[in-house]
Amino acid sequence: MNTPSVRPRWEDLPNDVRANVQARLGSPVVEVSYPEGGFTPGLALRLRCADRSEVFLKAADLALPMASHYRAEAVVGEHLPSVIAPELWWSVESHGWIVNAFEAVLGGEPELRPGPADLPGVLDVVGSLERELTPCPAPVGEAGETLSLLAGHWERLAAAPAGPDAWRTARRAWLTEMDDRDLLVKAAAGDTLVHCDLRADNMLVDAERVRVLGGSWSGVGGCGVLRPSADPCRSQPGQSGGRARSARTGVAGGRSESREHVRGGDHRLLSWHQVHGPGGGLGAYRGRAAQAGRRWIDYRLS
């Protein structure tokens, strides 16, 4: 995914912060590389040291609002097994910055369309979230509080000057039924540590398996959002793509009626931010995901 953010470089970190990181690494840094993608303006880089060890660093200025997400990711990261996510080695707040150090995993973003070899691994890791993280091992808030933010966007879209388009008008009854905060909170209830922002660029395929990234939007509950990828699923129900369809726009865990509310709410959130959000790479992603959500709703109601 393209990023609208300009990320800091290694040399942009304050000298004292870099010295602290260097001391923890225990070997001089000899190479710095920068991954592509991401939507936040925080530092993200891979360091290779003279002893051939490598580490992946994420860092943010504590004066920025997004620093709270880096703190949350550190809290959750302590409780994620390596079969699910890259290992969190340490987290430190130093001289006005938070720095999280992770196991450096080589790999790329999985392909979620039906057919590619990545899809079984994605389905396996989504299933492992429930198996490995129940009961919830981390001190996090309720997933329902996060997912409740999905509610209300149908009313906002309908009340906008342009009004609802023909597609939303045709689906009005279903959208209105799903647009209920209390139902979303109830739908999310459970005792699993769930990831509320699963999408392709928050997963990584290495040589052995798929692993999950970006745990800052996590909570205790019964289901979390697995957001659709850019290219909507076109396979027929009952074929291999039918399983892909449920993974691409679905949730991990939860009852079927619960998943309906979360999926519908996520589509409306993406649609709202597609129109009223910041634009750029993030806006383009939301637009593609919203279109994939429409296709899922059409399939669901057909």
C-alpha atoms as a PDB file:
ATOM      1  CA  MET A   1       0.000   0.000   0.000  1.00  0.00           C
ATOM      2  CA  ASN A   2       1.173   3.489  -0.672  1.00  0.00           C
ATOM      3  CA  THR A   3       1.711   5.623   2.383  1.00  0.00           C
ATOM      4  CA  PRO A   4       0.814   9.298   2.803  1.00  0.00           C
ATOM      5  CA  SER A   5       3.297   9.517   5.663  1.00  0.00           C
ATOM      6  CA  VAL A   6       6.883  10.685   5.648  1.00  0.00           C
ATOM      7  CA  ARG A   7       8.588   8.473   8.200  1.00  0.00           C
ATOM      8  CA  PRO A   8      11.549   9.591  10.309  1.00  0.00           C
ATOM      9  CA  ARG A   9      14.962   8.117   9.531  1.00  0.00           C
ATOM     10  CA  TRP A  10      17.408   6.490  11.954  1.00  0.00           C
ATOM     11  CA  GLU A  11      19.455   9.682  12.032  1.00  0.00           C
ATOM     12  CA  ASP A  12      16.326  11.681  12.917  1.00  0.00           C
ATOM     13  CA  LEU A  13      16.142  10.054  16.330  1.00  0.00           C
ATOM     14  CA  PRO A  14      17.651  12.208  19.091  1.00  0.00           C
ATOM     15  CA  ASN A  15      21.254  11.264  19.825  1.00  0.00           C
ATOM     16  CA  ASP A  16      20.394  10.108  23.344  1.00  0.00           C
ATOM     17  CA  VAL A  17      17.659   7.804  22.047  1.00  0.00           C
ATOM     18  CA  ARG A  18      19.968   6.270  19.458  1.00  0.00           C
ATOM     19  CA  ALA A  19      22.639   5.795  22.139  1.00  0.00           C
ATOM     20  CA  ASN A  20      20.099   4.022  24.354  1.00  0.00           C
ATOM     21  CA  VAL A  21      19.059   1.719  21.496  1.00  0.00           C
ATOM     22  CA  GLN A  22      22.681   1.041  20.591  1.00  0.00           C
ATOM     23  CA  ALA A  23      23.487   0.108  24.192  1.00  0.00           C
ATOM     24  CA  ARG A  24      20.598  -2.361  24.280  1.00  0.00           C
ATOM     25  CA  LEU A  25      21.663  -3.958  21.014  1.00  0.00           C
ATOM     26  CA  GLY A  26      25.153  -4.613  22.351  1.00  0.00           C
ATOM     27  CA  SER A  27      26.772  -4.463  18.902  1.00  0.00           C
ATOM     28  CA  PRO A  28      27.401  -1.498  16.568  1.00  0.00           C
ATOM     29  CA  VAL A  29      24.784  -0.783  13.897  1.00  0.00           C
ATOM     30  CA  VAL A  30      26.315  -1.315  10.453  1.00  0.00           C
ATOM     31  CA  GLU A  31      23.259  -1.170   8.166  1.00  0.00           C
ATOM     32  CA  VAL A  32      19.835   0.467   8.225  1.00  0.00           C
ATOM     33  CA  SER A  33      16.976  -0.424   5.855  1.00  0.00           C
ATOM     34  CA  TYR A  34      13.483   0.974   5.575  1.00  0.00           C
ATOM     35  CA  PRO A  35      10.370  -1.049   4.688  1.00  0.00           C
ATOM     36  CA  GLU A  36       7.713   0.301   2.367  1.00  0.00           C
ATOM     37  CA  GLY A  37       4.093   0.869   3.291  1.00  0.00           C
ATOM     38  CA  GLY A  38       2.282   1.924   6.425  1.00  0.00           C
ATOM     39  CA  PHE A  39       0.020   4.853   7.197  1.00  0.00           C
ATOM     40  CA  THR A  40       1.481   6.327  10.381  1.00  0.00           C
ATOM     41  CA  PRO A  41       4.375   8.814  10.452  1.00  0.00           C
ATOM     42  CA  GLY A  42       6.289   6.816  13.062  1.00  0.00           C
ATOM     43  CA  LEU A  43       9.782   5.434  12.586  1.00  0.00           C
ATOM     44  CA  ALA A  44       9.965   1.890  11.177  1.00  0.00           C
ATOM     45  CA  LEU A  45      13.276   0.334  10.181  1.00  0.00           C
ATOM     46  CA  ARG A  46      15.488  -2.730  10.260  1.00  0.00           C
ATOM     47  CA  LEU A  47      18.908  -2.573  11.874  1.00  0.00           C
ATOM     48  CA  ARG A  48      21.754  -5.004  11.164  1.00  0.00           C
ATOM     49  CA  CYS A  49      24.576  -5.068  13.686  1.00  0.00           C
ATOM     50  CA  ALA A  50      28.250  -5.952  13.415  1.00  0.00           C
ATOM     51  CA  ASP A  51      27.590  -9.331  15.081  1.00  0.00           C
ATOM     52  CA  ARG A  52      25.088 -10.080  12.250  1.00  0.00           C
ATOM     53  CA  SER A  53      22.082  -9.818  14.534  1.00  0.00           C
ATOM     54  CA  GLU A  54      19.065  -7.920  13.227  1.00  0.00           C
ATOM     55  CA  VAL A  55      16.177  -6.100  14.887  1.00  0.00           C
ATOM     56  CA  PHE A  56      13.074  -4.319  13.643  1.00  0.00           C
ATOM     57  CA  LEU A  57      12.398  -0.995  15.376  1.00  0.00           C
ATOM     58  CA  LYS A  58       9.217   1.044  15.609  1.00  0.00           C
ATOM     59  CA  ALA A  59       9.383   4.401  17.361  1.00  0.00           C
ATOM     60  CA  ALA A  60       7.305   7.510  17.879  1.00  0.00           C
ATOM     61  CA  ASP A  61       7.649  10.910  19.495  1.00  0.00           C
ATOM     62  CA  LEU A  62       5.679  10.772  22.760  1.00  0.00           C
ATOM     63  CA  ALA A  63       4.274  14.240  22.004  1.00  0.00           C
ATOM     64  CA  LEU A  64       2.285  12.782  19.079  1.00  0.00           C
ATOM     65  CA  PRO A  65      -1.181  11.243  19.638  1.00  0.00           C
ATOM     66  CA  MET A  66      -0.137   8.069  17.833  1.00  0.00           C
ATOM     67  CA  ALA A  67       2.368   7.303  20.621  1.00  0.00           C
ATOM     68  CA  SER A  68      -0.511   5.740  22.549  1.00  0.00           C
ATOM     69  CA  HIS A  69      -0.777   3.092  19.804  1.00  0.00           C
ATOM     70  CA  TYR A  70       2.903   2.221  20.189  1.00  0.00           C
ATOM     71  CA  ARG A  71       2.416   1.833  23.948  1.00  0.00           C
ATOM     72  CA  ALA A  72      -0.604  -0.386  23.331  1.00  0.00           C
ATOM     73  CA  GLU A  73       1.346  -2.467  20.828  1.00  0.00           C
ATOM     74  CA  ALA A  74       4.073  -3.006  23.433  1.00  0.00           C
ATOM     75  CA  VAL A  75       1.525  -4.114  26.047  1.00  0.00           C
ATOM     76  CA  VAL A  76      -0.068  -6.607  23.672  1.00  0.00           C
ATOM     77  CA  GLY A  77       3.245  -7.720  22.164  1.00  0.00           C
ATOM     78  CA  GLU A  78       4.453  -9.134  25.467  1.00  0.00           C
ATOM     79  CA  HIS A  79       1.657 -11.717  25.305  1.00  0.00           C
ATOM     80  CA  LEU A  80       1.759 -12.820  21.658  1.00  0.00           C
ATOM     81  CA  PRO A  81       3.450 -16.174  20.928  1.00  0.00           C
ATOM     82  CA  SER A  82       5.927 -16.285  18.060  1.00  0.00           C
ATOM     83  CA  VAL A  83       3.597 -18.553  16.059  1.00  0.00           C
ATOM     84  CA  ILE A  84       1.234 -15.573  15.771  1.00  0.00           C
ATOM     85  CA  ALA A  85       3.454 -12.471  15.688  1.00  0.00           C
ATOM     86  CA  PRO A  86       7.113 -11.419  15.565  1.00  0.00           C
ATOM     87  CA  GLU A  87       8.499 -11.517  19.103  1.00  0.00           C
ATOM     88  CA  LEU A  88       8.667  -8.237  21.022  1.00  0.00           C
ATOM     89  CA  TRP A  89      12.182  -8.104  22.454  1.00  0.00           C
ATOM     90  CA  TRP A  90      11.890  -4.918  24.460  1.00  0.00           C
ATOM     91  CA  SER A  91      10.176  -1.552  24.713  1.00  0.00           C
ATOM     92  CA  VAL A  92      11.669   1.605  26.185  1.00  0.00           C
ATOM     93  CA  GLU A  93      10.654   5.225  26.628  1.00  0.00           C
ATOM     94  CA  SER A  94      13.684   7.466  26.370  1.00  0.00           C
ATOM     95  CA  HIS A  95      14.115  11.231  26.045  1.00  0.00           C
ATOM     96  CA  GLY A  96      10.593  11.840  24.790  1.00  0.00           C
ATOM     97  CA  TRP A  97      10.357   8.825  22.464  1.00  0.00           C
ATOM     98  CA  ILE A  98       8.953   5.305  22.711  1.00  0.00           C
ATOM     99  CA  VAL A  99      10.929   2.585  20.934  1.00  0.00           C
ATOM    100  CA  ASN A 100       9.663  -0.979  20.396  1.00  0.00           C
ATOM    101  CA  ALA A 101      12.153  -3.629  19.265  1.00  0.00           C
ATOM    102  CA  PHE A 102      10.857  -6.725  17.484  1.00  0.00           C
ATOM    103  CA  GLU A 103      12.267  -9.870  16.006  1.00  0.00           C
ATOM    104  CA  ALA A 104      13.293  -9.008  12.447  1.00  0.00           C
ATOM    105  CA  VAL A 105      11.232 -11.199  10.127  1.00  0.00           C
ATOM    106  CA  LEU A 106      11.923 -11.219   6.401  1.00  0.00           C
ATOM    107  CA  GLY A 107       8.817 -11.499   4.279  1.00  0.00           C
ATOM    108  CA  GLY A 108       6.086  -9.669   2.437  1.00  0.00           C
ATOM    109  CA  GLU A 109       2.412  -8.833   2.485  1.00  0.00           C
ATOM    110  CA  PRO A 110       0.139 -11.842   1.842  1.00  0.00           C
ATOM    111  CA  GLU A 111      -2.108 -12.047  -1.188  1.00  0.00           C
ATOM    112  CA  LEU A 112      -5.713 -12.523  -0.077  1.00  0.00           C
ATOM    113  CA  ARG A 113      -7.395 -13.210  -3.397  1.00  0.00           C
ATOM    114  CA  PRO A 114      -8.659 -16.783  -3.897  1.00  0.00           C
ATOM    115  CA  GLY A 115      -6.037 -18.993  -5.474  1.00  0.00           C
ATOM    116  CA  PRO A 116      -2.627 -17.729  -4.258  1.00  0.00           C
ATOM    117  CA  ALA A 117      -0.681 -19.976  -1.885  1.00  0.00           C
ATOM    118  CA  ASP A 118      -0.776 -17.364   0.915  1.00  0.00           C
ATOM    119  CA  LEU A 119      -4.468 -17.823   1.673  1.00  0.00           C
ATOM    120  CA  PRO A 120      -4.313 -21.101   3.671  1.00  0.00           C
ATOM    121  CA  GLY A 121      -1.653 -19.585   5.927  1.00  0.00           C
ATOM    122  CA  VAL A 122      -3.785 -16.490   6.497  1.00  0.00           C
ATOM    123  CA  LEU A 123      -6.764 -18.647   7.441  1.00  0.00           C
ATOM    124  CA  ASP A 124      -4.576 -20.693   9.772  1.00  0.00           C
ATOM    125  CA  VAL A 125      -3.225 -17.657  11.644  1.00  0.00           C
ATOM    126  CA  VAL A 126      -6.712 -16.149  11.943  1.00  0.00           C
ATOM    127  CA  GLY A 127      -7.886 -19.415  13.490  1.00  0.00           C
ATOM    128  CA  SER A 128      -4.873 -19.562  15.796  1.00  0.00           C
ATOM    129  CA  LEU A 129      -5.785 -16.189  17.310  1.00  0.00           C
ATOM    130  CA  GLU A 130      -8.737 -17.827  19.037  1.00  0.00           C
ATOM    131  CA  ARG A 131      -6.908 -21.031  19.952  1.00  0.00           C
ATOM    132  CA  GLU A 132      -3.801 -19.367  21.358  1.00  0.00           C
ATOM    133  CA  LEU A 133      -5.282 -16.229  22.933  1.00  0.00           C
ATOM    134  CA  THR A 134      -8.256 -17.563  24.912  1.00  0.00           C
ATOM    135  CA  PRO A 135      -8.586 -16.601  27.676  1.00  0.00           C
ATOM    136  CA  CYS A 136      -7.214 -13.137  26.910  1.00  0.00           C
ATOM    137  CA  PRO A 137      -3.632 -12.989  28.274  1.00  0.00           C
ATOM    138  CA  ALA A 138      -3.108  -9.211  27.998  1.00  0.00           C
ATOM    139  CA  PRO A 139      -4.409  -6.308  30.115  1.00  0.00           C
ATOM    140  CA  VAL A 140      -6.487  -4.645  27.393  1.00  0.00           C
ATOM    141  CA  GLY A 141      -9.891  -3.013  27.168  1.00  0.00           C
ATOM    142  CA  GLU A 142     -13.065  -4.434  25.706  1.00  0.00           C
ATOM    143  CA  ALA A 143     -13.058  -5.013  21.949  1.00  0.00           C
ATOM    144  CA  GLY A 144     -16.667  -3.845  21.954  1.00  0.00           C
ATOM    145  CA  GLU A 145     -15.587  -0.336  22.872  1.00  0.00           C
ATOM    146  CA  THR A 146     -13.338  -0.225  19.816  1.00  0.00           C
ATOM    147  CA  LEU A 147     -15.849  -1.856  17.497  1.00  0.00           C
ATOM    148  CA  SER A 148     -18.631   0.433  18.721  1.00  0.00           C
ATOM    149  CA  LEU A 149     -16.853   3.164  16.755  1.00  0.00           C
ATOM    150  CA  LEU A 150     -18.175   1.422  13.631  1.00  0.00           C
ATOM    151  CA  ALA A 151     -21.735   2.489  14.487  1.00  0.00           C
ATOM    152  CA  GLY A 152     -23.513   5.624  13.305  1.00  0.00           C
ATOM    153  CA  HIS A 153     -21.844   6.090   9.943  1.00  0.00           C
ATOM    154  CA  TRP A 154     -24.940   5.138   7.936  1.00  0.00           C
ATOM    155  CA  GLU A 155     -26.818   8.060   9.495  1.00  0.00           C
ATOM    156  CA  ARG A 156     -23.888  10.377   8.780  1.00  0.00           C
ATOM    157  CA  LEU A 157     -23.705   9.230   5.170  1.00  0.00           C
ATOM    158  CA  ALA A 158     -27.457   9.600   4.720  1.00  0.00           C
ATOM    159  CA  ALA A 159     -27.421  13.087   6.255  1.00  0.00           C
ATOM    160  CA  ALA A 160     -24.508  14.340   4.141  1.00  0.00           C
ATOM    161  CA  PRO A 161     -25.348  17.012   1.525  1.00  0.00           C
ATOM    162  CA  ALA A 162     -25.011  14.517  -1.307  1.00  0.00           C
ATOM    163  CA  GLY A 163     -27.307  12.071   0.460  1.00  0.00           C
ATOM    164  CA  PRO A 164     -27.125   8.279   0.026  1.00  0.00           C
ATOM    165  CA  ASP A 165     -26.285   6.909  -3.390  1.00  0.00           C
ATOM    166  CA  ALA A 166     -28.500   4.408  -5.204  1.00  0.00           C
ATOM    167  CA  TRP A 167     -26.683   1.388  -3.766  1.00  0.00           C
ATOM    168  CA  ARG A 168     -27.099   2.556  -0.158  1.00  0.00           C
ATOM    169  CA  THR A 169     -30.740   3.431  -0.805  1.00  0.00           C
ATOM    170  CA  ALA A 170     -31.363  -0.103  -2.100  1.00  0.00           C
ATOM    171  CA  ARG A 171     -29.666  -1.617   0.951  1.00  0.00           C
ATOM    172  CA  ARG A 172     -31.120   0.847   3.435  1.00  0.00           C
ATOM    173  CA  ALA A 173     -33.107  -1.646   5.536  1.00  0.00           C
ATOM    174  CA  TRP A 174     -30.097  -3.917   6.110  1.00  0.00           C
ATOM    175  CA  LEU A 175     -27.686  -1.041   6.713  1.00  0.00           C
ATOM    176  CA  THR A 176     -30.041   0.561   9.218  1.00  0.00           C
ATOM    177  CA  GLU A 177     -30.492  -2.724  11.080  1.00  0.00           C
ATOM    178  CA  MET A 178     -26.731  -3.197  11.367  1.00  0.00           C
ATOM    179  CA  ASP A 179     -26.038   0.440  12.375  1.00  0.00           C
ATOM    180  CA  ASP A 180     -26.611  -0.062  16.105  1.00  0.00           C
ATOM    181  CA  ARG A 181     -23.924   0.632  18.713  1.00  0.00           C
ATOM    182  CA  ASP A 182     -25.437  -1.591  21.401  1.00  0.00           C
ATOM    183  CA  LEU A 183     -25.679  -4.514  19.006  1.00  0.00           C
ATOM    184  CA  LEU A 184     -22.046  -4.051  17.956  1.00  0.00           C
ATOM    185  CA  VAL A 185     -20.897  -4.053  21.578  1.00  0.00           C
ATOM    186  CA  LYS A 186     -22.961  -7.182  22.262  1.00  0.00           C
ATOM    187  CA  ALA A 187     -21.675  -8.821  19.083  1.00  0.00           C
ATOM    188  CA  ALA A 188     -18.070  -8.312  20.156  1.00  0.00           C
ATOM    189  CA  ALA A 189     -18.441  -9.909  23.599  1.00  0.00           C
ATOM    190  CA  GLY A 190     -16.062 -12.735  24.470  1.00  0.00           C
ATOM    191  CA  ASP A 191     -12.885 -13.681  26.324  1.00  0.00           C
ATOM    192  CA  THR A 192     -10.315 -13.828  23.496  1.00  0.00           C
ATOM    193  CA  LEU A 193      -7.570 -11.316  22.737  1.00  0.00           C
ATOM    194  CA  VAL A 194      -8.748 -10.164  19.315  1.00  0.00           C
ATOM    195  CA  HIS A 195      -7.107  -8.000  16.670  1.00  0.00           C
ATOM    196  CA  CYS A 196      -9.544  -5.278  15.558  1.00  0.00           C
ATOM    197  CA  ASP A 197      -7.662  -4.180  12.435  1.00  0.00           C
ATOM    198  CA  LEU A 198      -6.539  -7.274  10.538  1.00  0.00           C
ATOM    199  CA  ARG A 199      -5.763  -6.546   6.898  1.00  0.00           C
ATOM    200  CA  ALA A 200      -3.145  -7.629   4.400  1.00  0.00           C
ATOM    201  CA  ASP A 201      -0.583  -4.969   5.337  1.00  0.00           C
ATOM    202  CA  ASN A 202      -0.893  -5.975   8.996  1.00  0.00           C
ATOM    203  CA  MET A 203       0.250  -9.505   8.165  1.00  0.00           C
ATOM    204  CA  LEU A 204       3.615 -10.832   7.020  1.00  0.00           C
ATOM    205  CA  VAL A 205       4.459 -14.007   5.098  1.00  0.00           C
ATOM    206  CA  ASP A 206       7.920 -15.318   5.932  1.00  0.00           C
ATOM    207  CA  ALA A 207       9.560 -18.530   4.777  1.00  0.00           C
ATOM    208  CA  GLU A 208       7.512 -20.677   7.176  1.00  0.00           C
ATOM    209  CA  ARG A 209       4.178 -19.046   8.010  1.00  0.00           C
ATOM    210  CA  VAL A 210       1.967 -15.975   8.136  1.00  0.00           C
ATOM    211  CA  ARG A 211       2.286 -13.743  11.186  1.00  0.00           C
ATOM    212  CA  VAL A 212       0.209 -10.839  12.452  1.00  0.00           C
ATOM    213  CA  LEU A 213       1.495  -7.282  12.926  1.00  0.00           C
ATOM    214  CA  GLY A 214       0.119  -4.084  14.432  1.00  0.00           C
ATOM    215  CA  GLY A 215      -1.531  -5.239  17.644  1.00  0.00           C
ATOM    216  CA  SER A 216      -2.317  -1.763  18.960  1.00  0.00           C
ATOM    217  CA  TRP A 217      -6.016  -2.080  17.990  1.00  0.00           C
ATOM    218  CA  SER A 218      -6.664  -5.103  20.179  1.00  0.00           C
ATOM    219  CA  GLY A 219      -9.159  -5.908  22.898  1.00  0.00           C
ATOM    220  CA  VAL A 220     -10.830  -8.727  24.783  1.00  0.00           C
ATOM    221  CA  GLY A 221     -13.871 -10.026  22.962  1.00  0.00           C
ATOM    222  CA  GLY A 222     -15.323 -12.646  20.670  1.00  0.00           C
ATOM    223  CA  CYS A 223     -14.480 -11.288  17.229  1.00  0.00           C
ATOM    224  CA  GLY A 224     -12.263  -8.762  15.499  1.00  0.00           C
ATOM    225  CA  VAL A 225     -12.285  -7.248  12.028  1.00  0.00           C
ATOM    226  CA  LEU A 226     -10.485  -8.890   9.118  1.00  0.00           C
ATOM    227  CA  ARG A 227     -10.714  -6.124   6.552  1.00  0.00           C
ATOM    228  CA  PRO A 228     -11.218  -6.860   2.870  1.00  0.00           C
ATOM    229  CA  SER A 229      -8.343  -6.453   0.469  1.00  0.00           C
ATOM    230  CA  ALA A 230      -8.370  -4.136  -2.509  1.00  0.00           C
ATOM    231  CA  ASP A 231      -9.549  -6.619  -5.104  1.00  0.00           C
ATOM    232  CA  PRO A 232     -13.032  -7.953  -4.291  1.00  0.00           C
ATOM    233  CA  CYS A 233     -13.622 -11.682  -4.346  1.00  0.00           C
ATOM    234  CA  ARG A 234     -15.387 -12.882  -7.478  1.00  0.00           C
ATOM    235  CA  SER A 235     -15.493 -16.634  -6.908  1.00  0.00           C
ATOM    236  CA  GLN A 236     -18.740 -18.552  -6.682  1.00  0.00           C
ATOM    237  CA  PRO A 237     -20.178 -19.690  -3.339  1.00  0.00           C
ATOM    238  CA  GLY A 238     -19.281 -23.265  -2.499  1.00  0.00           C
ATOM    239  CA  GLN A 239     -15.971 -23.147  -4.360  1.00  0.00           C
ATOM    240  CA  SER A 240     -12.586 -22.542  -2.769  1.00  0.00           C
ATOM    241  CA  GLY A 241     -13.162 -18.807  -3.031  1.00  0.00           C
ATOM    242  CA  GLY A 242     -16.228 -19.088  -0.811  1.00  0.00           C
ATOM    243  CA  ARG A 243     -13.958 -19.776   2.124  1.00  0.00           C
ATOM    244  CA  ALA A 244     -11.731 -16.935   0.978  1.00  0.00           C
ATOM    245  CA  ARG A 245     -14.707 -14.617   0.882  1.00  0.00           C
ATOM    246  CA  SER A 246     -15.460 -15.225   4.548  1.00  0.00           C
ATOM    247  CA  ALA A 247     -11.830 -14.644   5.488  1.00  0.00           C
ATOM    248  CA  ARG A 248     -11.424 -11.493   3.422  1.00  0.00           C
ATOM    249  CA  THR A 249     -14.347  -9.602   4.877  1.00  0.00           C
ATOM    250  CA  GLY A 250     -14.933 -11.526   8.063  1.00  0.00           C
ATOM    251  CA  VAL A 251     -13.930 -11.677  11.671  1.00  0.00           C
ATOM    252  CA  ALA A 252     -11.968 -14.056  13.818  1.00  0.00           C
ATOM    253  CA  GLY A 253     -14.346 -15.977  16.046  1.00  0.00           C
ATOM    254  CA  GLY A 254     -17.830 -15.067  17.173  1.00  0.00           C
ATOM    255  CA  ARG A 255     -21.354 -16.169  16.277  1.00  0.00           C
ATOM    256  CA  SER A 256     -22.584 -15.690  12.716  1.00  0.00           C
ATOM    257  CA  GLU A 257     -25.052 -12.960  13.719  1.00  0.00           C
ATOM    258  CA  SER A 258     -22.233 -11.189  15.556  1.00  0.00           C
ATOM    259  CA  ARG A 259     -20.048 -11.265  12.467  1.00  0.00           C
ATOM    260  CA  GLU A 260     -22.840  -9.715  10.403  1.00  0.00           C
ATOM    261  CA  HIS A 261     -22.969  -6.630  12.634  1.00  0.00           C
ATOM    262  CA  VAL A 262     -19.197  -6.180  12.692  1.00  0.00           C
ATOM    263  CA  ARG A 263     -18.822  -6.620   8.930  1.00  0.00           C
ATOM    264  CA  GLY A 264     -21.632  -4.199   8.178  1.00  0.00           C
ATOM    265  CA  GLY A 265     -20.297  -1.618  10.608  1.00  0.00           C
ATOM    266  CA  ASP A 266     -16.792  -1.845   9.195  1.00  0.00           C
ATOM    267  CA  HIS A 267     -18.101  -1.256   5.663  1.00  0.00           C
ATOM    268  CA  ARG A 268     -19.912   1.896   6.760  1.00  0.00           C
ATOM    269  CA  LEU A 269     -16.846   3.186   8.604  1.00  0.00           C
ATOM    270  CA  LEU A 270     -14.678   2.682   5.517  1.00  0.00           C
ATOM    271  CA  SER A 271     -17.301   4.314   3.289  1.00  0.00           C
ATOM    272  CA  TRP A 272     -17.527   7.347   5.564  1.00  0.00           C
ATOM    273  CA  HIS A 273     -13.760   7.849   5.722  1.00  0.00           C
ATOM    274  CA  GLN A 274     -13.442   7.250   2.000  1.00  0.00           C
ATOM    275  CA  VAL A 275     -15.567  10.381   1.464  1.00  0.00           C
ATOM    276  CA  HIS A 276     -14.536  12.484   4.462  1.00  0.00           C
ATOM    277  CA  GLY A 277     -11.067  11.204   5.319  1.00  0.00           C
ATOM    278  CA  PRO A 278      -7.603  12.582   4.517  1.00  0.00           C
ATOM    279  CA  GLY A 279      -7.332  11.172   0.980  1.00  0.00           C
ATOM    280  CA  GLY A 280      -3.946  10.092  -0.319  1.00  0.00           C
ATOM    281  CA  GLY A 281      -2.816   6.488  -0.016  1.00  0.00           C
ATOM    282  CA  LEU A 282      -4.991   5.871   3.040  1.00  0.00           C
ATOM    283  CA  GLY A 283      -8.065   7.249   1.292  1.00  0.00           C
ATOM    284  CA  ALA A 284      -7.384   5.088  -1.769  1.00  0.00           C
ATOM    285  CA  TYR A 285      -7.115   1.976   0.411  1.00  0.00           C
ATOM    286  CA  ARG A 286     -10.373   2.805   2.181  1.00  0.00           C
ATOM    287  CA  GLY A 287     -12.075   3.289  -1.163  1.00  0.00           C
ATOM    288  CA  ARG A 288     -10.971  -0.117  -2.436  1.00  0.00           C
ATOM    289  CA  ALA A 289     -11.905  -1.781   0.841  1.00  0.00           C
ATOM    290  CA  ALA A 290     -15.325  -0.094   0.857  1.00  0.00           C
ATOM    291  CA  GLN A 291     -15.995  -1.406  -2.644  1.00  0.00           C
ATOM    292  CA  ALA A 292     -14.994  -4.902  -1.519  1.00  0.00           C
ATOM    293  CA  GLY A 293     -17.374  -4.498   1.409  1.00  0.00           C
ATOM    294  CA  ARG A 294     -20.209  -3.607  -0.972  1.00  0.00           C
ATOM    295  CA  ARG A 295     -19.557  -6.762  -2.957  1.00  0.00           C
ATOM    296  CA  TRP A 296     -19.670  -8.832   0.240  1.00  0.00           C
ATOM    297  CA  ILE A 297     -22.986  -7.220   1.263  1.00  0.00           C
ATOM    298  CA  ASP A 298     -24.429  -7.882  -2.195  1.00  0.00           C
ATOM    299  CA  TYR A 299     -23.325 -11.524  -1.905  1.00  0.00           C
ATOM    300  CA  ARG A 300     -24.725 -11.759   1.636  1.00  0.00           C
ATOM    301  CA  LEU A 301     -28.123 -10.413   0.590  1.00  0.00           C
ATOM    302  CA  SER A 302     -28.373 -12.202  -2.760  1.00  0.00           C
END
